[in-house]
Amino acid sequence: MDHDIRLKRLRFRAWHRGTREADLMIGGYFDAHHARWSAEELDWFEALLEEQDVDIMGWAIGSIPCPARWDGPMMAGMRALDFVPKPGD
Protein backbone atom coordinates (compact mmCIF):
# COMPACT_ATOMS: atom_id res chain seq x y z
CA MET A 1 0.00 0.00 0.00
CA ASP A 2 1.20 3.51 -0.76
CA HIS A 3 2.64 5.19 2.35
CA ASP A 4 0.43 8.30 2.09
CA ILE A 5 -2.71 6.21 1.70
CA ARG A 6 -1.70 4.11 4.71
CA LEU A 7 -1.23 7.24 6.81
CA LYS A 8 -4.62 8.60 5.75
CA ARG A 9 -6.31 5.34 6.70
CA LEU A 10 -4.52 5.19 10.04
CA ARG A 11 -5.43 8.80 10.79
CA PHE A 12 -9.08 8.11 10.00
CA ARG A 13 -9.11 5.01 12.20
CA ALA A 14 -7.32 6.86 15.01
CA TRP A 15 -9.88 9.69 14.98
CA HIS A 16 -13.00 7.53 14.59
CA ARG A 17 -12.83 5.23 17.58
CA GLY A 18 -16.37 5.49 18.91
CA THR A 19 -15.93 7.79 21.87
CA ARG A 20 -14.71 11.36 21.89
CA GLU A 21 -12.20 10.61 24.65
CA ALA A 22 -10.63 7.78 22.64
CA ASP A 23 -10.66 9.91 19.50
CA LEU A 24 -8.78 12.67 21.29
CA MET A 25 -6.22 10.41 22.93
CA ILE A 26 -5.52 8.02 20.05
CA GLY A 27 -6.04 10.50 17.22
CA GLY A 28 -4.11 13.20 19.03
CA TYR A 29 -1.23 10.82 19.64
CA PHE A 30 -1.19 9.84 15.97
CA ASP A 31 -1.24 13.45 14.77
CA ALA A 32 1.55 14.48 17.14
CA HIS A 33 3.94 11.64 16.31
CA HIS A 34 3.25 9.75 13.08
CA ALA A 35 5.59 11.85 10.93
CA ARG A 36 8.59 10.54 12.92
CA TRP A 37 7.55 6.89 13.11
CA SER A 38 9.50 4.11 11.46
CA ALA A 39 7.76 1.37 9.50
CA GLU A 40 7.87 -0.83 12.62
CA GLU A 41 6.26 1.87 14.72
CA LEU A 42 3.53 2.32 12.12
CA ASP A 43 2.97 -1.44 12.22
CA TRP A 44 2.72 -1.29 16.02
CA PHE A 45 0.18 1.53 15.90
CA GLU A 46 -1.85 -0.16 13.18
CA ALA A 47 -2.02 -3.35 15.26
CA LEU A 48 -2.91 -1.36 18.38
CA LEU A 49 -5.94 0.04 16.56
CA GLU A 50 -7.35 -3.49 16.45
CA GLU A 51 -7.66 -3.45 20.25
CA GLN A 52 -10.72 -2.24 22.13
CA ASP A 53 -10.83 1.45 23.03
CA VAL A 54 -11.49 0.69 26.69
CA ASP A 55 -8.30 -1.38 26.80
CA ILE A 56 -6.15 1.18 24.97
CA MET A 57 -7.44 3.96 27.20
CA GLY A 58 -6.91 1.88 30.34
CA TRP A 59 -3.35 0.99 29.35
CA ALA A 60 -2.58 4.60 28.49
CA ILE A 61 -3.94 6.10 31.71
CA GLY A 62 -2.68 3.23 33.85
CA SER A 63 -6.02 2.05 35.21
CA ILE A 64 -5.39 -1.48 33.93
CA PRO A 65 -2.09 -3.31 33.44
CA CYS A 66 -0.65 -3.00 29.96
CA PRO A 67 0.25 -6.30 28.27
CA ALA A 68 3.94 -6.65 27.43
CA ARG A 69 3.11 -6.67 23.72
CA TRP A 70 1.94 -3.05 23.92
CA ASP A 71 4.15 -1.74 26.70
CA GLY A 72 7.14 0.21 25.46
CA PRO A 73 8.22 3.63 24.19
CA MET A 74 5.10 4.29 22.14
CA MET A 75 2.70 3.44 24.96
CA ALA A 76 4.88 5.57 27.24
CA GLY A 77 4.25 8.44 24.84
CA MET A 78 0.53 7.93 25.16
CA ARG A 79 0.88 7.78 28.94
CA ALA A 80 2.82 11.04 28.96
CA LEU A 81 0.01 12.78 27.10
CA ASP A 82 2.69 14.70 25.24
CA PHE A 83 0.25 15.33 22.40
CA VAL A 84 -2.17 17.41 24.45
CA PRO A 85 -1.93 21.07 23.43
CA LYS A 86 -0.48 23.29 26.12
CA PRO A 87 -2.14 26.64 26.92
CA GLY A 88 -1.01 29.15 24.35
CA ASP A 89 -0.17 26.54 21.67
PDB file of N, CA and C in Angstrom:
ATOM      1  N   MET A   1       0.843  -1.171   0.000  1.00  0.00           N
ATOM      2  CA  MET A   1       0.000   0.000   0.000  1.00  0.00           C
ATOM      3  C   MET A   1       0.895   1.244   0.000  1.00  0.00           C
ATOM      4  N   ASP A   2       0.497   2.238  -0.720  1.00  0.00           N
ATOM      5  CA  ASP A   2       1.199   3.509  -0.762  1.00  0.00           C
ATOM      6  C   ASP A   2       1.268   4.102   0.652  1.00  0.00           C
ATOM      7  N   HIS A   3       2.420   4.661   1.006  1.00  0.00           N
ATOM      8  CA  HIS A   3       2.642   5.194   2.352  1.00  0.00           C
ATOM      9  C   HIS A   3       1.629   6.284   2.717  1.00  0.00           C
ATOM     10  N   ASP A   4       1.374   7.207   1.809  1.00  0.00           N
ATOM     11  CA  ASP A   4       0.430   8.296   2.087  1.00  0.00           C
ATOM     12  C   ASP A   4      -0.985   7.775   2.308  1.00  0.00           C
ATOM     13  N   ILE A   5      -1.379   6.796   1.527  1.00  0.00           N
ATOM     14  CA  ILE A   5      -2.710   6.205   1.701  1.00  0.00           C
ATOM     15  C   ILE A   5      -2.792   5.501   3.050  1.00  0.00           C
ATOM     16  N   ARG A   6      -1.727   4.785   3.406  1.00  0.00           N
ATOM     17  CA  ARG A   6      -1.702   4.105   4.708  1.00  0.00           C
ATOM     18  C   ARG A   6      -1.855   5.115   5.835  1.00  0.00           C
ATOM     19  N   LEU A   7      -1.134   6.218   5.770  1.00  0.00           N
ATOM     20  CA  LEU A   7      -1.233   7.240   6.809  1.00  0.00           C
ATOM     21  C   LEU A   7      -2.637   7.830   6.885  1.00  0.00           C
ATOM     22  N   LYS A   8      -3.253   8.066   5.750  1.00  0.00           N
ATOM     23  CA  LYS A   8      -4.623   8.599   5.748  1.00  0.00           C
ATOM     24  C   LYS A   8      -5.594   7.620   6.390  1.00  0.00           C
ATOM     25  N   ARG A   9      -5.436   6.354   6.091  1.00  0.00           N
ATOM     26  CA  ARG A   9      -6.309   5.337   6.698  1.00  0.00           C
ATOM     27  C   ARG A   9      -6.081   5.242   8.198  1.00  0.00           C
ATOM     28  N   LEU A  10      -4.814   5.250   8.615  1.00  0.00           N
ATOM     29  CA  LEU A  10      -4.517   5.192  10.038  1.00  0.00           C
ATOM     30  C   LEU A  10      -5.053   6.420  10.772  1.00  0.00           C
ATOM     31  N   ARG A  11      -4.904   7.583  10.164  1.00  0.00           N
ATOM     32  CA  ARG A  11      -5.427   8.802  10.790  1.00  0.00           C
ATOM     33  C   ARG A  11      -6.937   8.707  10.947  1.00  0.00           C
ATOM     34  N   PHE A  12      -7.631   8.253   9.916  1.00  0.00           N
ATOM     35  CA  PHE A  12      -9.083   8.113  10.001  1.00  0.00           C
ATOM     36  C   PHE A  12      -9.457   7.152  11.131  1.00  0.00           C
ATOM     37  N   ARG A  13      -8.797   6.007  11.168  1.00  0.00           N
ATOM     38  CA  ARG A  13      -9.107   5.015  12.203  1.00  0.00           C
ATOM     39  C   ARG A  13      -8.770   5.530  13.600  1.00  0.00           C
ATOM     40  N   ALA A  14      -7.705   6.313  13.712  1.00  0.00           N
ATOM     41  CA  ALA A  14      -7.317   6.856  15.008  1.00  0.00           C
ATOM     42  C   ALA A  14      -8.321   7.884  15.523  1.00  0.00           C
ATOM     43  N   TRP A  15      -8.943   8.620  14.603  1.00  0.00           N
ATOM     44  CA  TRP A  15      -9.875   9.690  14.983  1.00  0.00           C
ATOM     45  C   TRP A  15     -11.336   9.246  14.984  1.00  0.00           C
ATOM     46  N   HIS A  16     -11.620   8.022  14.630  1.00  0.00           N
ATOM     47  CA  HIS A  16     -13.004   7.528  14.590  1.00  0.00           C
ATOM     48  C   HIS A  16     -13.115   6.243  15.401  1.00  0.00           C
ATOM     49  N   ARG A  17     -12.887   6.377  16.699  1.00  0.00           N
ATOM     50  CA  ARG A  17     -12.832   5.231  17.585  1.00  0.00           C
ATOM     51  C   ARG A  17     -14.186   4.865  18.178  1.00  0.00           C
ATOM     52  N   GLY A  18     -15.062   5.802  18.325  1.00  0.00           N
ATOM     53  CA  GLY A  18     -16.368   5.494  18.905  1.00  0.00           C
ATOM     54  C   GLY A  18     -16.709   6.350  20.107  1.00  0.00           C
ATOM     55  N   THR A  19     -15.689   6.841  20.791  1.00  0.00           N
ATOM     56  CA  THR A  19     -15.933   7.790  21.874  1.00  0.00           C
ATOM     57  C   THR A  19     -15.024   8.996  21.661  1.00  0.00           C
ATOM     58  N   ARG A  20     -15.482  10.135  22.091  1.00  0.00           N
ATOM     59  CA  ARG A  20     -14.709  11.360  21.893  1.00  0.00           C
ATOM     60  C   ARG A  20     -13.378  11.300  22.657  1.00  0.00           C
ATOM     61  N   GLU A  21     -13.416  10.708  23.850  1.00  0.00           N
ATOM     62  CA  GLU A  21     -12.200  10.606  24.646  1.00  0.00           C
ATOM     63  C   GLU A  21     -11.141   9.771  23.933  1.00  0.00           C
ATOM     64  N   ALA A  22     -11.566   8.638  23.376  1.00  0.00           N
ATOM     65  CA  ALA A  22     -10.628   7.778  22.639  1.00  0.00           C
ATOM     66  C   ALA A  22     -10.147   8.474  21.375  1.00  0.00           C
ATOM     67  N   ASP A  23     -11.057   9.165  20.689  1.00  0.00           N
ATOM     68  CA  ASP A  23     -10.659   9.913  19.495  1.00  0.00           C
ATOM     69  C   ASP A  23      -9.551  10.904  19.836  1.00  0.00           C
ATOM     70  N   LEU A  24      -9.747  11.651  20.913  1.00  0.00           N
ATOM     71  CA  LEU A  24      -8.778  12.674  21.288  1.00  0.00           C
ATOM     72  C   LEU A  24      -7.438  12.072  21.690  1.00  0.00           C
ATOM     73  N   MET A  25      -7.472  11.005  22.474  1.00  0.00           N
ATOM     74  CA  MET A  25      -6.220  10.408  22.925  1.00  0.00           C
ATOM     75  C   MET A  25      -5.486   9.713  21.784  1.00  0.00           C
ATOM     76  N   ILE A  26      -6.169   8.832  21.084  1.00  0.00           N
ATOM     77  CA  ILE A  26      -5.517   8.023  20.050  1.00  0.00           C
ATOM     78  C   ILE A  26      -5.244   8.856  18.806  1.00  0.00           C
ATOM     79  N   GLY A  27      -6.233   9.631  18.386  1.00  0.00           N
ATOM     80  CA  GLY A  27      -6.044  10.498  17.221  1.00  0.00           C
ATOM     81  C   GLY A  27      -5.017  11.586  17.484  1.00  0.00           C
ATOM     82  N   GLY A  28      -5.079  12.167  18.677  1.00  0.00           N
ATOM     83  CA  GLY A  28      -4.107  13.201  19.034  1.00  0.00           C
ATOM     84  C   GLY A  28      -2.693  12.666  19.068  1.00  0.00           C
ATOM     85  N   TYR A  29      -2.545  11.459  19.605  1.00  0.00           N
ATOM     86  CA  TYR A  29      -1.225  10.824  19.637  1.00  0.00           C
ATOM     87  C   TYR A  29      -0.718  10.579  18.217  1.00  0.00           C
ATOM     88  N   PHE A  30      -1.575  10.075  17.358  1.00  0.00           N
ATOM     89  CA  PHE A  30      -1.188   9.840  15.967  1.00  0.00           C
ATOM     90  C   PHE A  30      -0.740  11.151  15.312  1.00  0.00           C
ATOM     91  N   ASP A  31      -1.566  12.182  15.418  1.00  0.00           N
ATOM     92  CA  ASP A  31      -1.241  13.453  14.772  1.00  0.00           C
ATOM     93  C   ASP A  31       0.081  14.029  15.270  1.00  0.00           C
ATOM     94  N   ALA A  32       0.338  13.888  16.560  1.00  0.00           N
ATOM     95  CA  ALA A  32       1.549  14.477  17.141  1.00  0.00           C
ATOM     96  C   ALA A  32       2.825  13.737  16.757  1.00  0.00           C
ATOM     97  N   HIS A  33       2.721  12.434  16.435  1.00  0.00           N
ATOM     98  CA  HIS A  33       3.940  11.643  16.308  1.00  0.00           C
ATOM     99  C   HIS A  33       4.137  10.884  14.997  1.00  0.00           C
ATOM    100  N   HIS A  34       3.121  10.674  14.212  1.00  0.00           N
ATOM    101  CA  HIS A  34       3.251   9.751  13.080  1.00  0.00           C
ATOM    102  C   HIS A  34       4.331  10.141  12.069  1.00  0.00           C
ATOM    103  N   ALA A  35       4.604  11.413  11.930  1.00  0.00           N
ATOM    104  CA  ALA A  35       5.592  11.853  10.933  1.00  0.00           C
ATOM    105  C   ALA A  35       6.997  11.340  11.247  1.00  0.00           C
ATOM    106  N   ARG A  36       7.257  11.015  12.516  1.00  0.00           N
ATOM    107  CA  ARG A  36       8.587  10.544  12.918  1.00  0.00           C
ATOM    108  C   ARG A  36       8.667   9.031  13.053  1.00  0.00           C
ATOM    109  N   TRP A  37       7.568   8.329  12.883  1.00  0.00           N
ATOM    110  CA  TRP A  37       7.546   6.891  13.112  1.00  0.00           C
ATOM    111  C   TRP A  37       8.227   6.108  11.998  1.00  0.00           C
ATOM    112  N   SER A  38       8.911   5.071  12.404  1.00  0.00           N
ATOM    113  CA  SER A  38       9.497   4.115  11.461  1.00  0.00           C
ATOM    114  C   SER A  38       8.390   3.182  10.963  1.00  0.00           C
ATOM    115  N   ALA A  39       8.726   2.346  10.007  1.00  0.00           N
ATOM    116  CA  ALA A  39       7.762   1.367   9.497  1.00  0.00           C
ATOM    117  C   ALA A  39       7.305   0.427  10.617  1.00  0.00           C
ATOM    118  N   GLU A  40       8.224   0.052  11.500  1.00  0.00           N
ATOM    119  CA  GLU A  40       7.873  -0.832  12.616  1.00  0.00           C
ATOM    120  C   GLU A  40       6.928  -0.151  13.589  1.00  0.00           C
ATOM    121  N   GLU A  41       7.147   1.124  13.821  1.00  0.00           N
ATOM    122  CA  GLU A  41       6.257   1.866  14.719  1.00  0.00           C
ATOM    123  C   GLU A  41       4.879   2.043  14.099  1.00  0.00           C
ATOM    124  N   LEU A  42       4.825   2.266  12.797  1.00  0.00           N
ATOM    125  CA  LEU A  42       3.526   2.316  12.122  1.00  0.00           C
ATOM    126  C   LEU A  42       2.816   0.974  12.228  1.00  0.00           C
ATOM    127  N   ASP A  43       3.555  -0.109  12.070  1.00  0.00           N
ATOM    128  CA  ASP A  43       2.973  -1.445  12.223  1.00  0.00           C
ATOM    129  C   ASP A  43       2.407  -1.623  13.626  1.00  0.00           C
ATOM    130  N   TRP A  44       3.165  -1.191  14.627  1.00  0.00           N
ATOM    131  CA  TRP A  44       2.719  -1.293  16.017  1.00  0.00           C
ATOM    132  C   TRP A  44       1.406  -0.541  16.211  1.00  0.00           C
ATOM    133  N   PHE A  45       1.371   0.706  15.725  1.00  0.00           N
ATOM    134  CA  PHE A  45       0.180   1.525  15.904  1.00  0.00           C
ATOM    135  C   PHE A  45      -1.010   0.924  15.166  1.00  0.00           C
ATOM    136  N   GLU A  46      -0.768   0.448  13.965  1.00  0.00           N
ATOM    137  CA  GLU A  46      -1.851  -0.163  13.183  1.00  0.00           C
ATOM    138  C   GLU A  46      -2.415  -1.381  13.917  1.00  0.00           C
ATOM    139  N   ALA A  47      -1.555  -2.194  14.496  1.00  0.00           N
ATOM    140  CA  ALA A  47      -2.018  -3.355  15.261  1.00  0.00           C
ATOM    141  C   ALA A  47      -2.747  -2.919  16.530  1.00  0.00           C
ATOM    142  N   LEU A  48      -2.258  -1.864  17.179  1.00  0.00           N
ATOM    143  CA  LEU A  48      -2.914  -1.355  18.378  1.00  0.00           C
ATOM    144  C   LEU A  48      -4.358  -0.954  18.089  1.00  0.00           C
ATOM    145  N   LEU A  49      -4.591  -0.400  16.922  1.00  0.00           N
ATOM    146  CA  LEU A  49      -5.937   0.040  16.562  1.00  0.00           C
ATOM    147  C   LEU A  49      -6.941  -1.107  16.487  1.00  0.00           C
ATOM    148  N   GLU A  50      -6.468  -2.329  16.450  1.00  0.00           N
ATOM    149  CA  GLU A  50      -7.354  -3.492  16.452  1.00  0.00           C
ATOM    150  C   GLU A  50      -7.887  -3.797  17.851  1.00  0.00           C
ATOM    151  N   GLU A  51      -7.245  -3.223  18.865  1.00  0.00           N
ATOM    152  CA  GLU A  51      -7.659  -3.454  20.249  1.00  0.00           C
ATOM    153  C   GLU A  51      -8.885  -2.603  20.585  1.00  0.00           C
ATOM    154  N   GLN A  52      -9.546  -2.974  21.667  1.00  0.00           N
ATOM    155  CA  GLN A  52     -10.720  -2.242  22.127  1.00  0.00           C
ATOM    156  C   GLN A  52     -10.306  -0.904  22.735  1.00  0.00           C
ATOM    157  N   ASP A  53     -11.114   0.119  22.492  1.00  0.00           N
ATOM    158  CA  ASP A  53     -10.828   1.448  23.027  1.00  0.00           C
ATOM    159  C   ASP A  53     -10.670   1.438  24.537  1.00  0.00           C
ATOM    160  N   VAL A  54     -11.547   0.723  25.223  1.00  0.00           N
ATOM    161  CA  VAL A  54     -11.492   0.694  26.688  1.00  0.00           C
ATOM    162  C   VAL A  54     -10.156   0.133  27.159  1.00  0.00           C
ATOM    163  N   ASP A  55      -9.605  -0.830  26.439  1.00  0.00           N
ATOM    164  CA  ASP A  55      -8.302  -1.381  26.798  1.00  0.00           C
ATOM    165  C   ASP A  55      -7.190  -0.378  26.515  1.00  0.00           C
ATOM    166  N   ILE A  56      -7.187   0.199  25.329  1.00  0.00           N
ATOM    167  CA  ILE A  56      -6.154   1.182  24.967  1.00  0.00           C
ATOM    168  C   ILE A  56      -6.153   2.333  25.966  1.00  0.00           C
ATOM    169  N   MET A  57      -7.331   2.843  26.268  1.00  0.00           N
ATOM    170  CA  MET A  57      -7.439   3.961  27.204  1.00  0.00           C
ATOM    171  C   MET A  57      -6.949   3.541  28.590  1.00  0.00           C
ATOM    172  N   GLY A  58      -7.343   2.366  29.034  1.00  0.00           N
ATOM    173  CA  GLY A  58      -6.912   1.875  30.345  1.00  0.00           C
ATOM    174  C   GLY A  58      -5.415   1.701  30.434  1.00  0.00           C
ATOM    175  N   TRP A  59      -4.806   1.153  29.380  1.00  0.00           N
ATOM    176  CA  TRP A  59      -3.354   0.990  29.352  1.00  0.00           C
ATOM    177  C   TRP A  59      -2.663   2.343  29.381  1.00  0.00           C
ATOM    178  N   ALA A  60      -3.221   3.283  28.614  1.00  0.00           N
ATOM    179  CA  ALA A  60      -2.584   4.598  28.492  1.00  0.00           C
ATOM    180  C   ALA A  60      -2.697   5.420  29.774  1.00  0.00           C
ATOM    181  N   ILE A  61      -3.806   5.306  30.483  1.00  0.00           N
ATOM    182  CA  ILE A  61      -3.944   6.096  31.713  1.00  0.00           C
ATOM    183  C   ILE A  61      -3.507   5.320  32.949  1.00  0.00           C
ATOM    184  N   GLY A  62      -3.201   4.034  32.753  1.00  0.00           N
ATOM    185  CA  GLY A  62      -2.680   3.232  33.846  1.00  0.00           C
ATOM    186  C   GLY A  62      -3.719   2.624  34.764  1.00  0.00           C
ATOM    187  N   SER A  63      -4.982   2.626  34.348  1.00  0.00           N
ATOM    188  CA  SER A  63      -6.023   2.054  35.210  1.00  0.00           C
ATOM    189  C   SER A  63      -6.083   0.535  35.112  1.00  0.00           C
ATOM    190  N   ILE A  64      -5.509  -0.030  34.064  1.00  0.00           N
ATOM    191  CA  ILE A  64      -5.390  -1.480  33.933  1.00  0.00           C
ATOM    192  C   ILE A  64      -3.972  -1.797  33.456  1.00  0.00           C
ATOM    193  N   PRO A  65      -3.450  -2.951  33.856  1.00  0.00           N
ATOM    194  CA  PRO A  65      -2.087  -3.307  33.441  1.00  0.00           C
ATOM    195  C   PRO A  65      -1.978  -3.437  31.918  1.00  0.00           C
ATOM    196  N   CYS A  66      -0.892  -2.939  31.395  1.00  0.00           N
ATOM    197  CA  CYS A  66      -0.645  -2.997  29.956  1.00  0.00           C
ATOM    198  C   CYS A  66       0.078  -4.299  29.619  1.00  0.00           C
ATOM    199  N   PRO A  67      -0.456  -5.081  28.678  1.00  0.00           N
ATOM    200  CA  PRO A  67       0.249  -6.299  28.267  1.00  0.00           C
ATOM    201  C   PRO A  67       1.636  -5.961  27.698  1.00  0.00           C
ATOM    202  N   ALA A  68       2.560  -6.865  27.889  1.00  0.00           N
ATOM    203  CA  ALA A  68       3.942  -6.651  27.432  1.00  0.00           C
ATOM    204  C   ALA A  68       4.007  -6.324  25.946  1.00  0.00           C
ATOM    205  N   ARG A  69       3.107  -6.920  25.169  1.00  0.00           N
ATOM    206  CA  ARG A  69       3.106  -6.669  23.721  1.00  0.00           C
ATOM    207  C   ARG A  69       2.973  -5.177  23.399  1.00  0.00           C
ATOM    208  N   TRP A  70       2.222  -4.458  24.204  1.00  0.00           N
ATOM    209  CA  TRP A  70       1.943  -3.052  23.920  1.00  0.00           C
ATOM    210  C   TRP A  70       2.797  -2.097  24.748  1.00  0.00           C
ATOM    211  N   ASP A  71       3.384  -2.604  25.814  1.00  0.00           N
ATOM    212  CA  ASP A  71       4.149  -1.742  26.703  1.00  0.00           C
ATOM    213  C   ASP A  71       5.509  -1.447  26.081  1.00  0.00           C
ATOM    214  N   GLY A  72       5.868  -0.197  26.048  1.00  0.00           N
ATOM    215  CA  GLY A  72       7.138   0.212  25.461  1.00  0.00           C
ATOM    216  C   GLY A  72       7.143   1.711  25.218  1.00  0.00           C
ATOM    217  N   PRO A  73       8.067   2.185  24.409  1.00  0.00           N
ATOM    218  CA  PRO A  73       8.217   3.630  24.195  1.00  0.00           C
ATOM    219  C   PRO A  73       6.971   4.311  23.626  1.00  0.00           C
ATOM    220  N   MET A  74       6.263   3.637  22.739  1.00  0.00           N
ATOM    221  CA  MET A  74       5.100   4.293  22.139  1.00  0.00           C
ATOM    222  C   MET A  74       3.950   4.397  23.137  1.00  0.00           C
ATOM    223  N   MET A  75       3.735   3.357  23.931  1.00  0.00           N
ATOM    224  CA  MET A  75       2.702   3.444  24.959  1.00  0.00           C
ATOM    225  C   MET A  75       3.113   4.466  26.012  1.00  0.00           C
ATOM    226  N   ALA A  76       4.406   4.550  26.292  1.00  0.00           N
ATOM    227  CA  ALA A  76       4.882   5.565  27.235  1.00  0.00           C
ATOM    228  C   ALA A  76       4.551   6.968  26.728  1.00  0.00           C
ATOM    229  N   GLY A  77       4.630   7.165  25.427  1.00  0.00           N
ATOM    230  CA  GLY A  77       4.254   8.445  24.839  1.00  0.00           C
ATOM    231  C   GLY A  77       2.782   8.749  25.038  1.00  0.00           C
ATOM    232  N   MET A  78       1.952   7.725  24.899  1.00  0.00           N
ATOM    233  CA  MET A  78       0.525   7.932  25.159  1.00  0.00           C
ATOM    234  C   MET A  78       0.297   8.238  26.634  1.00  0.00           C
ATOM    235  N   ARG A  79       1.019   7.548  27.499  1.00  0.00           N
ATOM    236  CA  ARG A  79       0.877   7.784  28.944  1.00  0.00           C
ATOM    237  C   ARG A  79       1.305   9.197  29.324  1.00  0.00           C
ATOM    238  N   ALA A  80       2.302   9.711  28.654  1.00  0.00           N
ATOM    239  CA  ALA A  80       2.823  11.040  28.961  1.00  0.00           C
ATOM    240  C   ALA A  80       1.890  12.145  28.496  1.00  0.00           C
ATOM    241  N   LEU A  81       0.936  11.793  27.664  1.00  0.00           N
ATOM    242  CA  LEU A  81       0.013  12.776  27.100  1.00  0.00           C
ATOM    243  C   LEU A  81       0.758  13.948  26.479  1.00  0.00           C
ATOM    244  N   ASP A  82       1.880  13.640  25.822  1.00  0.00           N
ATOM    245  CA  ASP A  82       2.690  14.704  25.240  1.00  0.00           C
ATOM    246  C   ASP A  82       2.123  15.234  23.932  1.00  0.00           C
ATOM    247  N   PHE A  83       0.916  14.832  23.607  1.00  0.00           N
ATOM    248  CA  PHE A  83       0.255  15.326  22.398  1.00  0.00           C
ATOM    249  C   PHE A  83      -0.842  16.316  22.748  1.00  0.00           C
ATOM    250  N   VAL A  84      -1.116  16.490  24.026  1.00  0.00           N
ATOM    251  CA  VAL A  84      -2.169  17.412  24.446  1.00  0.00           C
ATOM    252  C   VAL A  84      -1.652  18.836  24.291  1.00  0.00           C
ATOM    253  N   PRO A  85      -2.393  19.688  23.584  1.00  0.00           N
ATOM    254  CA  PRO A  85      -1.931  21.074  23.429  1.00  0.00           C
ATOM    255  C   PRO A  85      -1.794  21.774  24.773  1.00  0.00           C
ATOM    256  N   LYS A  86      -0.724  22.520  24.909  1.00  0.00           N
ATOM    257  CA  LYS A  86      -0.480  23.291  26.117  1.00  0.00           C
ATOM    258  C   LYS A  86      -1.163  24.664  25.961  1.00  0.00           C
ATOM    259  N   PRO A  87      -1.549  25.289  27.045  1.00  0.00           N
ATOM    260  CA  PRO A  87      -2.143  26.636  26.925  1.00  0.00           C
ATOM    261  C   PRO A  87      -1.221  27.569  26.139  1.00  0.00           C
ATOM    262  N   GLY A  88      -1.774  28.230  25.192  1.00  0.00           N
ATOM    263  CA  GLY A  88      -1.012  29.148  24.352  1.00  0.00           C
ATOM    264  C   GLY A  88      -0.499  28.529  23.067  1.00  0.00           C
ATOM    265  N   ASP A  89      -0.622  27.195  22.912  1.00  0.00           N
ATOM    266  CA  ASP A  89      -0.171  26.540  21.671  1.00  0.00           C
ATOM    267  C   ASP A  89      -1.175  26.767  20.556  1.00  0.00           C
TER     268      ASP A  89
END
